[in-house]
Amino acid sequence: MADHARPAGTDASDGPARADTPGWSARADVPGGPAGADSPHHGSAAAGTDPACAAAHGEIPVPPEGRTLVAVFASPVAGHLLRYGTDIGYHPLLLEPDAERAAAVGEQGLPVATAPPAWLDGTVDVVVTDHDRAELGMMLRDLLALHCRWIGVMGSPRHTAPHLAALAELGVPDADIARVHRPIGLNIGSRTPPEIAIATLAGLIADRNGRPGGFTF
């Protein structure tokens, strides 16, 4: 499972399926719908002339971007992240170093690897969904070596980030440690796993588009 192949396309049918692993959030089979848009001209009358509106209404296809979302460690948030991430065009991949947990999730059809695949590159966004796992430092060290576009660790800014000491103990340079984002996601007061996933993905979309997030346009 560690050598999971690079996804060949952006077909949403390759997205995460149901999984009964403890701590894993099963996805529901929700029909795909049009993505949102920032355009102020969001009415159907403008959809025929404004490409952004036409895409938002599902009237024209949105070109695939070839991006991958890696959720590290099987957890309720990881399940929602990969489900919603697939809906917005990400290739989903669960990274779970525990072989037993990985096998349980993989049997449900979700792309899963037990170690970071060598093909992870600058098109990849990584979200670590459990900062208390013993494998945290090793996983981050290996991911940083692959030059992923963005790497973040979930956790409250009120608490000391455990990845800092874990990476330092492994001899990871300070410059590389500084590449790890924490906290992550937009500040919307999220508390539940679905809300946390939405806030995280909204932050990734804003970062990719060079936008600050929020209600100012």
N, C-alpha and C. Protein backbone atom coordinates (compact mmCIF):
# COMPACT_ATOMS: atom_id res chain seq x y z
N MET A 1 0.81 -1.21 0.00
CA MET A 1 0.00 0.00 0.00
C MET A 1 0.84 1.26 0.00
N ALA A 2 2.09 1.15 0.41
CA ALA A 2 2.93 2.35 0.47
C ALA A 2 3.23 2.91 -0.89
N ASP A 3 3.15 2.09 -1.95
CA ASP A 3 3.49 2.55 -3.29
C ASP A 3 2.25 2.82 -4.10
N HIS A 4 1.26 3.45 -3.49
CA HIS A 4 0.03 3.76 -4.20
C HIS A 4 0.34 4.62 -5.42
N ALA A 5 -0.20 4.21 -6.57
CA ALA A 5 0.13 4.87 -7.83
C ALA A 5 -0.46 6.27 -7.89
N ARG A 6 0.22 7.14 -8.62
CA ARG A 6 -0.30 8.50 -8.85
C ARG A 6 -1.62 8.40 -9.58
N PRO A 7 -2.64 9.15 -9.16
CA PRO A 7 -3.92 9.12 -9.86
C PRO A 7 -3.77 9.64 -11.27
N ALA A 8 -4.47 8.98 -12.21
CA ALA A 8 -4.32 9.33 -13.61
C ALA A 8 -5.27 10.43 -14.05
N GLY A 9 -6.37 10.65 -13.34
CA GLY A 9 -7.33 11.66 -13.77
C GLY A 9 -7.99 12.31 -12.60
N THR A 10 -9.05 13.06 -12.86
CA THR A 10 -9.74 13.77 -11.80
C THR A 10 -11.18 13.31 -11.67
N ASP A 11 -11.48 12.10 -12.14
CA ASP A 11 -12.83 11.57 -12.08
C ASP A 11 -13.25 11.44 -10.62
N ALA A 12 -14.36 12.10 -10.26
CA ALA A 12 -14.80 12.06 -8.87
C ALA A 12 -15.23 10.67 -8.44
N SER A 13 -15.41 9.74 -9.38
CA SER A 13 -15.79 8.38 -9.01
C SER A 13 -14.67 7.67 -8.29
N ASP A 14 -13.45 8.22 -8.35
CA ASP A 14 -12.33 7.63 -7.62
C ASP A 14 -12.26 8.12 -6.19
N GLY A 15 -13.26 8.85 -5.72
CA GLY A 15 -13.24 9.46 -4.40
C GLY A 15 -13.43 8.46 -3.31
N PRO A 16 -13.38 8.93 -2.05
CA PRO A 16 -13.46 8.06 -0.89
C PRO A 16 -14.81 7.39 -0.78
N ALA A 17 -14.82 6.15 -0.35
CA ALA A 17 -16.05 5.39 -0.17
C ALA A 17 -16.31 5.23 1.31
N ARG A 18 -17.38 4.50 1.65
CA ARG A 18 -17.69 4.27 3.05
C ARG A 18 -16.61 3.43 3.69
N ALA A 19 -16.38 3.67 4.97
CA ALA A 19 -15.42 2.89 5.72
C ALA A 19 -15.94 2.74 7.14
N ASP A 20 -15.78 1.55 7.71
CA ASP A 20 -16.29 1.28 9.04
C ASP A 20 -15.21 1.26 10.09
N THR A 21 -14.01 1.72 9.75
CA THR A 21 -12.92 1.76 10.71
C THR A 21 -13.26 2.70 11.85
N PRO A 22 -13.02 2.31 13.11
CA PRO A 22 -13.27 3.22 14.24
C PRO A 22 -12.51 4.52 14.04
N GLY A 23 -13.20 5.64 14.29
CA GLY A 23 -12.56 6.94 14.12
C GLY A 23 -12.59 7.46 12.71
N TRP A 24 -13.17 6.66 11.79
CA TRP A 24 -13.22 7.08 10.39
C TRP A 24 -14.63 7.51 10.06
N SER A 25 -14.78 8.64 9.38
CA SER A 25 -16.09 9.15 9.04
C SER A 25 -16.49 8.64 7.67
N ALA A 26 -17.56 7.86 7.59
CA ALA A 26 -18.01 7.31 6.32
C ALA A 26 -18.63 8.40 5.47
N ARG A 27 -18.40 8.32 4.17
CA ARG A 27 -19.00 9.31 3.27
C ARG A 27 -20.37 8.85 2.84
N ALA A 28 -21.20 9.80 2.49
CA ALA A 28 -22.51 9.50 1.94
C ALA A 28 -22.42 9.66 0.44
N ASP A 29 -23.27 8.96 -0.29
CA ASP A 29 -23.27 9.04 -1.75
C ASP A 29 -24.11 10.25 -2.16
N VAL A 30 -23.46 11.39 -2.18
CA VAL A 30 -24.14 12.63 -2.51
C VAL A 30 -23.88 12.99 -3.95
N PRO A 31 -24.93 13.21 -4.76
CA PRO A 31 -24.70 13.57 -6.16
C PRO A 31 -23.89 14.85 -6.26
N GLY A 32 -22.99 14.91 -7.23
CA GLY A 32 -22.17 16.09 -7.41
C GLY A 32 -22.98 17.26 -7.90
N GLY A 33 -22.62 18.45 -7.48
CA GLY A 33 -23.34 19.65 -7.89
C GLY A 33 -22.36 20.70 -8.34
N PRO A 34 -22.86 21.82 -8.82
CA PRO A 34 -21.97 22.89 -9.28
C PRO A 34 -21.22 23.49 -8.14
N ALA A 35 -19.97 23.88 -8.42
CA ALA A 35 -19.15 24.51 -7.39
C ALA A 35 -19.55 25.96 -7.24
N GLY A 36 -19.16 26.57 -6.12
CA GLY A 36 -19.47 27.97 -5.89
C GLY A 36 -18.56 28.88 -6.67
N ALA A 37 -18.85 30.16 -6.65
CA ALA A 37 -18.03 31.11 -7.37
C ALA A 37 -18.02 32.43 -6.63
N ASP A 38 -16.97 33.18 -6.82
CA ASP A 38 -16.85 34.48 -6.16
C ASP A 38 -17.52 35.59 -6.97
N SER A 39 -17.94 35.29 -8.19
CA SER A 39 -18.45 36.33 -9.08
C SER A 39 -19.69 36.99 -8.50
N PRO A 40 -19.79 38.33 -8.53
CA PRO A 40 -21.00 39.01 -8.05
C PRO A 40 -22.16 38.81 -9.00
N HIS A 41 -21.90 38.42 -10.25
CA HIS A 41 -22.96 38.20 -11.23
C HIS A 41 -23.31 36.72 -11.24
N HIS A 42 -24.06 36.31 -10.19
CA HIS A 42 -24.30 34.89 -10.01
C HIS A 42 -25.67 34.46 -10.51
N GLY A 43 -26.43 35.37 -11.12
CA GLY A 43 -27.74 35.01 -11.62
C GLY A 43 -27.65 34.22 -12.90
N SER A 44 -28.72 33.47 -13.20
CA SER A 44 -28.71 32.63 -14.39
C SER A 44 -28.67 33.45 -15.66
N ALA A 45 -29.15 34.69 -15.60
CA ALA A 45 -29.14 35.51 -16.81
C ALA A 45 -27.73 35.80 -17.28
N ALA A 46 -26.81 35.91 -16.32
CA ALA A 46 -25.43 36.20 -16.69
C ALA A 46 -24.63 34.96 -16.98
N ALA A 47 -25.21 33.78 -16.68
CA ALA A 47 -24.44 32.55 -16.79
C ALA A 47 -23.98 32.27 -18.21
N GLY A 48 -24.76 32.75 -19.19
CA GLY A 48 -24.40 32.47 -20.56
C GLY A 48 -23.22 33.28 -21.06
N THR A 49 -22.91 34.40 -20.40
CA THR A 49 -21.85 35.26 -20.87
C THR A 49 -20.65 35.30 -19.93
N ASP A 50 -20.85 35.03 -18.68
CA ASP A 50 -19.76 35.06 -17.69
C ASP A 50 -19.29 33.63 -17.44
N PRO A 51 -18.04 33.30 -17.83
CA PRO A 51 -17.55 31.93 -17.63
C PRO A 51 -17.61 31.47 -16.18
N ALA A 52 -17.35 32.37 -15.23
CA ALA A 52 -17.40 31.99 -13.82
C ALA A 52 -18.80 31.58 -13.41
N CYS A 53 -19.79 32.34 -13.89
CA CYS A 53 -21.18 32.00 -13.57
C CYS A 53 -21.59 30.71 -14.27
N ALA A 54 -21.15 30.55 -15.52
CA ALA A 54 -21.51 29.34 -16.24
C ALA A 54 -20.95 28.10 -15.55
N ALA A 55 -19.73 28.21 -15.04
CA ALA A 55 -19.14 27.09 -14.30
C ALA A 55 -19.90 26.84 -13.01
N ALA A 56 -20.29 27.93 -12.33
CA ALA A 56 -21.01 27.80 -11.06
C ALA A 56 -22.36 27.13 -11.25
N HIS A 57 -22.98 27.36 -12.40
CA HIS A 57 -24.27 26.75 -12.70
C HIS A 57 -24.14 25.37 -13.32
N GLY A 58 -22.92 24.89 -13.47
CA GLY A 58 -22.72 23.58 -14.04
C GLY A 58 -22.94 23.51 -15.53
N GLU A 59 -22.91 24.65 -16.20
CA GLU A 59 -23.21 24.69 -17.63
C GLU A 59 -21.98 24.48 -18.50
N ILE A 60 -20.79 24.66 -17.94
CA ILE A 60 -19.56 24.36 -18.67
C ILE A 60 -18.65 23.57 -17.73
N PRO A 61 -17.86 22.65 -18.27
CA PRO A 61 -16.96 21.87 -17.40
C PRO A 61 -15.80 22.72 -16.90
N VAL A 62 -15.35 22.42 -15.70
CA VAL A 62 -14.17 23.10 -15.15
C VAL A 62 -12.96 22.22 -15.42
N PRO A 63 -11.93 22.74 -16.08
CA PRO A 63 -10.76 21.92 -16.41
C PRO A 63 -10.12 21.34 -15.15
N PRO A 64 -9.73 20.06 -15.17
CA PRO A 64 -9.06 19.47 -14.01
C PRO A 64 -7.72 20.12 -13.77
N GLU A 65 -7.34 20.23 -12.49
CA GLU A 65 -6.10 20.90 -12.13
C GLU A 65 -4.99 19.94 -11.74
N GLY A 66 -5.30 18.65 -11.65
CA GLY A 66 -4.27 17.69 -11.31
C GLY A 66 -3.71 17.86 -9.92
N ARG A 67 -4.55 18.20 -8.96
CA ARG A 67 -4.10 18.41 -7.59
C ARG A 67 -4.53 17.24 -6.71
N THR A 68 -3.74 16.98 -5.68
CA THR A 68 -4.00 15.86 -4.77
C THR A 68 -4.13 16.37 -3.35
N LEU A 69 -5.09 15.83 -2.61
CA LEU A 69 -5.26 16.13 -1.20
C LEU A 69 -4.90 14.88 -0.40
N VAL A 70 -3.91 15.02 0.47
CA VAL A 70 -3.49 13.92 1.33
C VAL A 70 -3.95 14.21 2.75
N ALA A 71 -4.78 13.34 3.29
CA ALA A 71 -5.17 13.41 4.70
C ALA A 71 -4.33 12.40 5.46
N VAL A 72 -3.61 12.86 6.46
CA VAL A 72 -2.71 11.99 7.21
C VAL A 72 -3.42 11.52 8.48
N PHE A 73 -3.49 10.21 8.66
CA PHE A 73 -4.10 9.50 9.78
C PHE A 73 -5.62 9.40 9.61
N ALA A 74 -6.13 8.19 9.71
CA ALA A 74 -7.57 7.93 9.63
C ALA A 74 -8.25 8.56 10.83
N SER A 75 -9.23 9.41 10.57
CA SER A 75 -9.95 10.11 11.63
C SER A 75 -11.27 10.60 11.05
N PRO A 76 -12.21 11.02 11.92
CA PRO A 76 -13.46 11.57 11.38
C PRO A 76 -13.23 12.75 10.45
N VAL A 77 -12.31 13.65 10.82
CA VAL A 77 -12.05 14.81 9.97
C VAL A 77 -11.47 14.38 8.63
N ALA A 78 -10.58 13.39 8.64
CA ALA A 78 -9.98 12.91 7.39
C ALA A 78 -11.04 12.41 6.43
N GLY A 79 -12.04 11.70 6.94
CA GLY A 79 -13.10 11.20 6.08
C GLY A 79 -13.85 12.32 5.38
N HIS A 80 -14.20 13.36 6.14
CA HIS A 80 -14.91 14.49 5.54
C HIS A 80 -14.00 15.27 4.60
N LEU A 81 -12.74 15.43 4.96
CA LEU A 81 -11.81 16.15 4.08
C LEU A 81 -11.73 15.51 2.70
N LEU A 82 -11.55 14.20 2.68
CA LEU A 82 -11.38 13.52 1.41
C LEU A 82 -12.68 13.47 0.62
N ARG A 83 -13.80 13.36 1.30
CA ARG A 83 -15.08 13.39 0.60
C ARG A 83 -15.31 14.74 -0.05
N TYR A 84 -15.21 15.81 0.75
CA TYR A 84 -15.43 17.15 0.22
C TYR A 84 -14.34 17.54 -0.77
N GLY A 85 -13.12 17.12 -0.50
CA GLY A 85 -12.01 17.42 -1.40
C GLY A 85 -12.22 16.83 -2.78
N THR A 86 -12.74 15.62 -2.83
CA THR A 86 -13.05 15.00 -4.12
C THR A 86 -14.09 15.82 -4.87
N ASP A 87 -15.09 16.32 -4.15
CA ASP A 87 -16.15 17.11 -4.78
C ASP A 87 -15.63 18.39 -5.41
N ILE A 88 -14.52 18.94 -4.90
CA ILE A 88 -13.99 20.19 -5.46
C ILE A 88 -12.79 19.96 -6.36
N GLY A 89 -12.54 18.71 -6.73
CA GLY A 89 -11.54 18.44 -7.76
C GLY A 89 -10.22 17.87 -7.32
N TYR A 90 -10.07 17.54 -6.05
CA TYR A 90 -8.83 16.92 -5.58
C TYR A 90 -8.84 15.41 -5.85
N HIS A 91 -7.66 14.85 -6.12
CA HIS A 91 -7.46 13.41 -6.02
C HIS A 91 -7.31 13.11 -4.53
N PRO A 92 -8.10 12.20 -3.96
CA PRO A 92 -7.98 11.92 -2.52
C PRO A 92 -6.97 10.82 -2.22
N LEU A 93 -6.26 10.97 -1.12
CA LEU A 93 -5.36 9.91 -0.66
C LEU A 93 -5.27 9.97 0.86
N LEU A 94 -5.54 8.86 1.50
CA LEU A 94 -5.35 8.75 2.95
C LEU A 94 -3.98 8.18 3.21
N LEU A 95 -3.23 8.83 4.08
CA LEU A 95 -1.91 8.35 4.47
C LEU A 95 -2.03 7.84 5.91
N GLU A 96 -1.97 6.53 6.08
CA GLU A 96 -2.14 5.91 7.39
C GLU A 96 -1.04 4.88 7.62
N PRO A 97 -0.06 5.21 8.48
CA PRO A 97 1.08 4.31 8.68
C PRO A 97 0.76 3.04 9.43
N ASP A 98 -0.32 3.01 10.17
CA ASP A 98 -0.71 1.81 10.89
C ASP A 98 -1.30 0.81 9.90
N ALA A 99 -0.63 -0.30 9.71
CA ALA A 99 -1.02 -1.26 8.67
C ALA A 99 -2.43 -1.79 8.88
N GLU A 100 -2.80 -2.04 10.11
CA GLU A 100 -4.14 -2.58 10.38
C GLU A 100 -5.23 -1.58 10.06
N ARG A 101 -5.03 -0.33 10.47
CA ARG A 101 -6.01 0.71 10.15
C ARG A 101 -6.06 0.95 8.64
N ALA A 102 -4.88 0.97 8.01
CA ALA A 102 -4.84 1.20 6.56
C ALA A 102 -5.57 0.11 5.80
N ALA A 103 -5.39 -1.14 6.22
CA ALA A 103 -6.06 -2.26 5.54
C ALA A 103 -7.56 -2.16 5.71
N ALA A 104 -8.03 -1.78 6.90
CA ALA A 104 -9.46 -1.68 7.15
C ALA A 104 -10.10 -0.62 6.27
N VAL A 105 -9.43 0.52 6.12
CA VAL A 105 -9.96 1.58 5.28
C VAL A 105 -9.82 1.23 3.80
N GLY A 106 -8.68 0.66 3.43
CA GLY A 106 -8.44 0.31 2.03
C GLY A 106 -9.44 -0.70 1.49
N GLU A 107 -9.93 -1.59 2.34
CA GLU A 107 -10.91 -2.58 1.91
C GLU A 107 -12.21 -1.93 1.46
N GLN A 108 -12.44 -0.70 1.90
CA GLN A 108 -13.66 0.01 1.52
C GLN A 108 -13.51 0.76 0.20
N GLY A 109 -12.34 0.68 -0.42
CA GLY A 109 -12.14 1.30 -1.73
C GLY A 109 -11.48 2.66 -1.70
N LEU A 110 -11.10 3.15 -0.54
CA LEU A 110 -10.44 4.45 -0.47
C LEU A 110 -8.97 4.32 -0.82
N PRO A 111 -8.42 5.21 -1.67
CA PRO A 111 -6.98 5.19 -1.92
C PRO A 111 -6.22 5.42 -0.62
N VAL A 112 -5.34 4.51 -0.27
CA VAL A 112 -4.64 4.61 1.00
C VAL A 112 -3.20 4.14 0.83
N ALA A 113 -2.29 4.78 1.54
CA ALA A 113 -0.88 4.39 1.54
C ALA A 113 -0.39 4.39 2.97
N THR A 114 0.59 3.54 3.27
CA THR A 114 1.14 3.48 4.62
C THR A 114 2.39 4.35 4.78
N ALA A 115 2.91 4.85 3.67
CA ALA A 115 4.06 5.76 3.70
C ALA A 115 3.89 6.75 2.55
N PRO A 116 4.47 7.93 2.64
CA PRO A 116 4.32 8.92 1.57
C PRO A 116 4.85 8.40 0.24
N PRO A 117 4.00 8.32 -0.80
CA PRO A 117 4.48 7.89 -2.12
C PRO A 117 5.50 8.88 -2.68
N ALA A 118 6.44 8.36 -3.46
CA ALA A 118 7.51 9.20 -3.99
C ALA A 118 7.00 10.24 -4.98
N TRP A 119 5.80 10.04 -5.56
CA TRP A 119 5.32 10.98 -6.57
C TRP A 119 4.69 12.24 -5.99
N LEU A 120 4.53 12.34 -4.69
CA LEU A 120 3.96 13.55 -4.10
C LEU A 120 4.88 14.73 -4.41
N ASP A 121 4.29 15.82 -4.92
CA ASP A 121 5.10 16.93 -5.40
C ASP A 121 4.41 18.26 -5.14
N GLY A 122 4.75 19.26 -5.92
CA GLY A 122 4.24 20.60 -5.72
C GLY A 122 2.78 20.79 -6.06
N THR A 123 2.08 19.74 -6.50
CA THR A 123 0.64 19.83 -6.74
C THR A 123 -0.16 19.31 -5.55
N VAL A 124 0.54 18.92 -4.49
CA VAL A 124 -0.09 18.20 -3.38
C VAL A 124 -0.27 19.08 -2.15
N ASP A 125 -1.47 19.03 -1.56
CA ASP A 125 -1.75 19.66 -0.28
C ASP A 125 -1.92 18.57 0.76
N VAL A 126 -1.29 18.74 1.91
CA VAL A 126 -1.29 17.72 2.96
C VAL A 126 -1.89 18.29 4.23
N VAL A 127 -2.82 17.54 4.82
CA VAL A 127 -3.43 17.95 6.09
C VAL A 127 -3.27 16.82 7.09
N VAL A 128 -2.55 17.08 8.18
CA VAL A 128 -2.40 16.10 9.25
C VAL A 128 -3.58 16.27 10.20
N THR A 129 -4.39 15.22 10.36
CA THR A 129 -5.64 15.34 11.09
C THR A 129 -5.58 14.88 12.54
N ASP A 130 -4.41 14.43 13.00
CA ASP A 130 -4.27 14.00 14.39
C ASP A 130 -2.85 14.31 14.85
N HIS A 131 -2.71 15.34 15.70
CA HIS A 131 -1.36 15.74 16.12
C HIS A 131 -0.86 14.96 17.33
N ASP A 132 -1.65 14.00 17.80
CA ASP A 132 -1.24 13.21 18.97
C ASP A 132 -0.64 11.84 18.60
N ARG A 133 -0.62 11.52 17.33
CA ARG A 133 -0.09 10.21 16.93
C ARG A 133 1.42 10.17 17.08
N ALA A 134 1.93 9.02 17.53
CA ALA A 134 3.37 8.85 17.75
C ALA A 134 4.16 8.99 16.45
N GLU A 135 3.52 8.70 15.31
CA GLU A 135 4.22 8.75 14.02
C GLU A 135 4.28 10.16 13.43
N LEU A 136 3.78 11.16 14.15
CA LEU A 136 3.67 12.52 13.62
C LEU A 136 4.99 13.04 13.05
N GLY A 137 6.06 12.97 13.83
CA GLY A 137 7.33 13.53 13.40
C GLY A 137 7.88 12.84 12.16
N MET A 138 7.86 11.52 12.15
CA MET A 138 8.40 10.77 11.01
C MET A 138 7.61 11.03 9.74
N MET A 139 6.28 11.10 9.87
CA MET A 139 5.46 11.34 8.69
C MET A 139 5.74 12.73 8.12
N LEU A 140 5.81 13.73 8.99
CA LEU A 140 6.07 15.09 8.52
C LEU A 140 7.47 15.20 7.92
N ARG A 141 8.45 14.57 8.54
CA ARG A 141 9.82 14.60 8.00
C ARG A 141 9.83 14.06 6.57
N ASP A 142 9.19 12.93 6.35
CA ASP A 142 9.19 12.32 5.02
C ASP A 142 8.40 13.14 4.02
N LEU A 143 7.32 13.76 4.46
CA LEU A 143 6.52 14.59 3.57
C LEU A 143 7.27 15.87 3.19
N LEU A 144 7.96 16.47 4.14
CA LEU A 144 8.75 17.68 3.85
C LEU A 144 9.84 17.40 2.82
N ALA A 145 10.38 16.20 2.82
CA ALA A 145 11.43 15.84 1.87
C ALA A 145 10.91 15.74 0.44
N LEU A 146 9.59 15.63 0.27
CA LEU A 146 9.00 15.46 -1.06
C LEU A 146 8.55 16.79 -1.67
N HIS A 147 8.70 17.89 -0.96
CA HIS A 147 8.40 19.23 -1.49
C HIS A 147 6.95 19.37 -1.92
N CYS A 148 6.03 18.92 -1.07
CA CYS A 148 4.61 19.13 -1.33
C CYS A 148 4.31 20.63 -1.33
N ARG A 149 3.26 21.02 -2.02
CA ARG A 149 2.94 22.45 -2.13
C ARG A 149 2.62 23.07 -0.78
N TRP A 150 1.87 22.34 0.04
CA TRP A 150 1.37 22.90 1.29
C TRP A 150 1.21 21.77 2.30
N ILE A 151 1.67 21.99 3.53
CA ILE A 151 1.55 20.99 4.59
C ILE A 151 1.05 21.70 5.84
N GLY A 152 -0.01 21.16 6.45
CA GLY A 152 -0.54 21.77 7.66
C GLY A 152 -0.92 20.71 8.68
N VAL A 153 -0.90 21.12 9.94
CA VAL A 153 -1.26 20.23 11.05
C VAL A 153 -2.41 20.86 11.82
N MET A 154 -3.46 20.08 12.04
CA MET A 154 -4.59 20.58 12.82
C MET A 154 -4.19 20.71 14.28
N GLY A 155 -4.77 21.70 14.95
CA GLY A 155 -4.50 21.89 16.37
C GLY A 155 -4.83 23.30 16.80
N SER A 156 -5.12 23.46 18.07
CA SER A 156 -5.47 24.76 18.60
C SER A 156 -4.24 25.64 18.76
N PRO A 157 -4.34 26.90 18.37
CA PRO A 157 -3.20 27.82 18.56
C PRO A 157 -2.94 28.11 20.03
N ARG A 158 -3.86 27.73 20.91
CA ARG A 158 -3.68 27.94 22.34
C ARG A 158 -2.72 26.94 22.97
N HIS A 159 -2.41 25.88 22.22
CA HIS A 159 -1.54 24.83 22.76
C HIS A 159 -0.24 24.77 21.96
N THR A 160 0.81 24.31 22.61
CA THR A 160 2.10 24.15 21.93
C THR A 160 1.98 23.12 20.83
N ALA A 161 2.51 23.43 19.68
CA ALA A 161 2.43 22.51 18.54
C ALA A 161 3.40 21.34 18.74
N PRO A 162 2.91 20.12 18.89
CA PRO A 162 3.81 18.99 19.17
C PRO A 162 4.74 18.63 18.03
N HIS A 163 4.40 19.06 16.81
CA HIS A 163 5.27 18.71 15.69
C HIS A 163 6.61 19.44 15.73
N LEU A 164 6.66 20.57 16.43
CA LEU A 164 7.91 21.34 16.49
C LEU A 164 9.02 20.53 17.16
N ALA A 165 8.72 19.99 18.35
CA ALA A 165 9.73 19.20 19.06
C ALA A 165 10.00 17.89 18.34
N ALA A 166 8.94 17.28 17.78
CA ALA A 166 9.11 15.99 17.10
C ALA A 166 10.05 16.11 15.91
N LEU A 167 9.91 17.18 15.14
CA LEU A 167 10.77 17.37 13.97
C LEU A 167 12.18 17.77 14.38
N ALA A 168 12.28 18.59 15.41
CA ALA A 168 13.61 19.00 15.87
C ALA A 168 14.41 17.81 16.36
N GLU A 169 13.75 16.89 17.07
CA GLU A 169 14.42 15.69 17.56
C GLU A 169 14.92 14.80 16.42
N LEU A 170 14.26 14.89 15.27
CA LEU A 170 14.67 14.10 14.10
C LEU A 170 15.72 14.82 13.27
N GLY A 171 16.14 16.00 13.70
CA GLY A 171 17.18 16.73 12.98
C GLY A 171 16.69 17.48 11.76
N VAL A 172 15.39 17.75 11.66
CA VAL A 172 14.85 18.49 10.52
C VAL A 172 15.24 19.96 10.67
N PRO A 173 15.79 20.58 9.63
CA PRO A 173 16.22 21.98 9.71
C PRO A 173 15.06 22.91 10.05
N ASP A 174 15.38 24.01 10.75
CA ASP A 174 14.36 24.97 11.15
C ASP A 174 13.58 25.52 9.95
N ALA A 175 14.27 25.73 8.83
CA ALA A 175 13.61 26.27 7.64
C ALA A 175 12.53 25.33 7.14
N ASP A 176 12.78 24.03 7.23
CA ASP A 176 11.77 23.06 6.80
C ASP A 176 10.63 22.98 7.81
N ILE A 177 10.97 23.03 9.09
CA ILE A 177 9.91 23.01 10.11
C ILE A 177 8.97 24.19 9.93
N ALA A 178 9.52 25.33 9.54
CA ALA A 178 8.71 26.53 9.36
C ALA A 178 7.74 26.41 8.19
N ARG A 179 7.93 25.45 7.33
CA ARG A 179 7.00 25.25 6.20
C ARG A 179 5.69 24.61 6.63
N VAL A 180 5.65 24.06 7.83
CA VAL A 180 4.45 23.39 8.31
C VAL A 180 3.49 24.42 8.92
N HIS A 181 2.30 24.50 8.38
CA HIS A 181 1.31 25.47 8.84
C HIS A 181 0.54 24.95 10.05
N ARG A 182 0.35 25.81 11.03
CA ARG A 182 -0.50 25.53 12.18
C ARG A 182 -0.72 26.83 12.93
N PRO A 183 -1.98 27.21 13.21
CA PRO A 183 -3.22 26.50 12.89
C PRO A 183 -3.53 26.58 11.41
N ILE A 184 -4.55 25.84 10.99
CA ILE A 184 -4.91 25.82 9.58
C ILE A 184 -6.41 26.10 9.43
N GLY A 185 -6.80 26.41 8.21
CA GLY A 185 -8.21 26.65 7.93
C GLY A 185 -8.65 28.08 8.24
N LEU A 186 -9.82 28.45 7.72
CA LEU A 186 -10.38 29.76 8.00
C LEU A 186 -11.02 29.77 9.38
N ASN A 187 -10.97 30.90 10.04
CA ASN A 187 -11.52 31.06 11.38
C ASN A 187 -13.02 31.29 11.29
N ILE A 188 -13.78 30.19 11.29
CA ILE A 188 -15.24 30.29 11.23
C ILE A 188 -15.87 29.71 12.49
N GLY A 189 -15.07 29.43 13.51
CA GLY A 189 -15.60 28.87 14.74
C GLY A 189 -15.98 27.41 14.61
N SER A 190 -15.32 26.68 13.71
CA SER A 190 -15.67 25.28 13.47
C SER A 190 -15.33 24.42 14.68
N ARG A 191 -16.23 23.44 14.96
CA ARG A 191 -16.03 22.54 16.09
C ARG A 191 -16.21 21.08 15.70
N THR A 192 -17.17 20.78 14.86
CA THR A 192 -17.44 19.39 14.50
C THR A 192 -16.53 18.97 13.35
N PRO A 193 -16.33 17.65 13.14
CA PRO A 193 -15.49 17.20 12.02
C PRO A 193 -15.91 17.76 10.66
N PRO A 194 -17.21 17.78 10.31
CA PRO A 194 -17.56 18.36 9.01
C PRO A 194 -17.21 19.85 8.92
N GLU A 195 -17.45 20.60 10.01
CA GLU A 195 -17.13 22.02 10.00
C GLU A 195 -15.63 22.25 9.88
N ILE A 196 -14.85 21.44 10.59
CA ILE A 196 -13.40 21.58 10.53
C ILE A 196 -12.90 21.28 9.11
N ALA A 197 -13.48 20.26 8.47
CA ALA A 197 -13.09 19.93 7.10
C ALA A 197 -13.42 21.07 6.15
N ILE A 198 -14.60 21.66 6.31
CA ILE A 198 -15.00 22.77 5.44
C ILE A 198 -14.08 23.96 5.63
N ALA A 199 -13.78 24.30 6.89
CA ALA A 199 -12.88 25.44 7.16
C ALA A 199 -11.50 25.19 6.58
N THR A 200 -11.02 23.95 6.70
CA THR A 200 -9.69 23.61 6.18
C THR A 200 -9.65 23.73 4.66
N LEU A 201 -10.64 23.16 3.99
CA LEU A 201 -10.67 23.22 2.53
C LEU A 201 -10.87 24.64 2.03
N ALA A 202 -11.68 25.42 2.74
CA ALA A 202 -11.85 26.83 2.35
C ALA A 202 -10.52 27.57 2.43
N GLY A 203 -9.74 27.27 3.45
CA GLY A 203 -8.42 27.89 3.58
C GLY A 203 -7.50 27.48 2.45
N LEU A 204 -7.55 26.21 2.05
CA LEU A 204 -6.72 25.74 0.94
C LEU A 204 -7.12 26.40 -0.38
N ILE A 205 -8.43 26.53 -0.60
CA ILE A 205 -8.89 27.19 -1.82
C ILE A 205 -8.42 28.64 -1.85
N ALA A 206 -8.57 29.33 -0.72
CA ALA A 206 -8.13 30.73 -0.65
C ALA A 206 -6.63 30.83 -0.91
N ASP A 207 -5.85 29.93 -0.32
CA ASP A 207 -4.40 29.97 -0.49
C ASP A 207 -4.02 29.72 -1.95
N ARG A 208 -4.66 28.76 -2.58
CA ARG A 208 -4.36 28.46 -3.98
C ARG A 208 -4.73 29.62 -4.90
N ASN A 209 -5.78 30.35 -4.53
CA ASN A 209 -6.24 31.45 -5.37
C ASN A 209 -5.68 32.80 -4.97
N GLY A 210 -4.81 32.82 -3.95
CA GLY A 210 -4.23 34.07 -3.50
C GLY A 210 -5.26 35.01 -2.90
N ARG A 211 -6.25 34.46 -2.22
CA ARG A 211 -7.30 35.26 -1.61
C ARG A 211 -7.22 35.19 -0.09
N PRO A 212 -7.70 36.22 0.62
CA PRO A 212 -7.61 36.24 2.08
C PRO A 212 -8.69 35.42 2.77
N GLY A 213 -9.76 35.08 2.07
CA GLY A 213 -10.90 34.44 2.72
C GLY A 213 -11.77 35.49 3.39
N GLY A 214 -12.99 35.11 3.78
CA GLY A 214 -13.90 36.05 4.43
C GLY A 214 -14.90 36.64 3.45
N PHE A 215 -15.53 37.73 3.85
CA PHE A 215 -16.63 38.29 3.08
C PHE A 215 -16.25 39.53 2.29
N THR A 216 -14.99 39.89 2.26
CA THR A 216 -14.55 41.06 1.49
C THR A 216 -14.08 40.63 0.11
N PHE A 217 -14.60 41.28 -0.93
CA PHE A 217 -14.24 40.93 -2.31
C PHE A 217 -13.60 42.12 -3.01
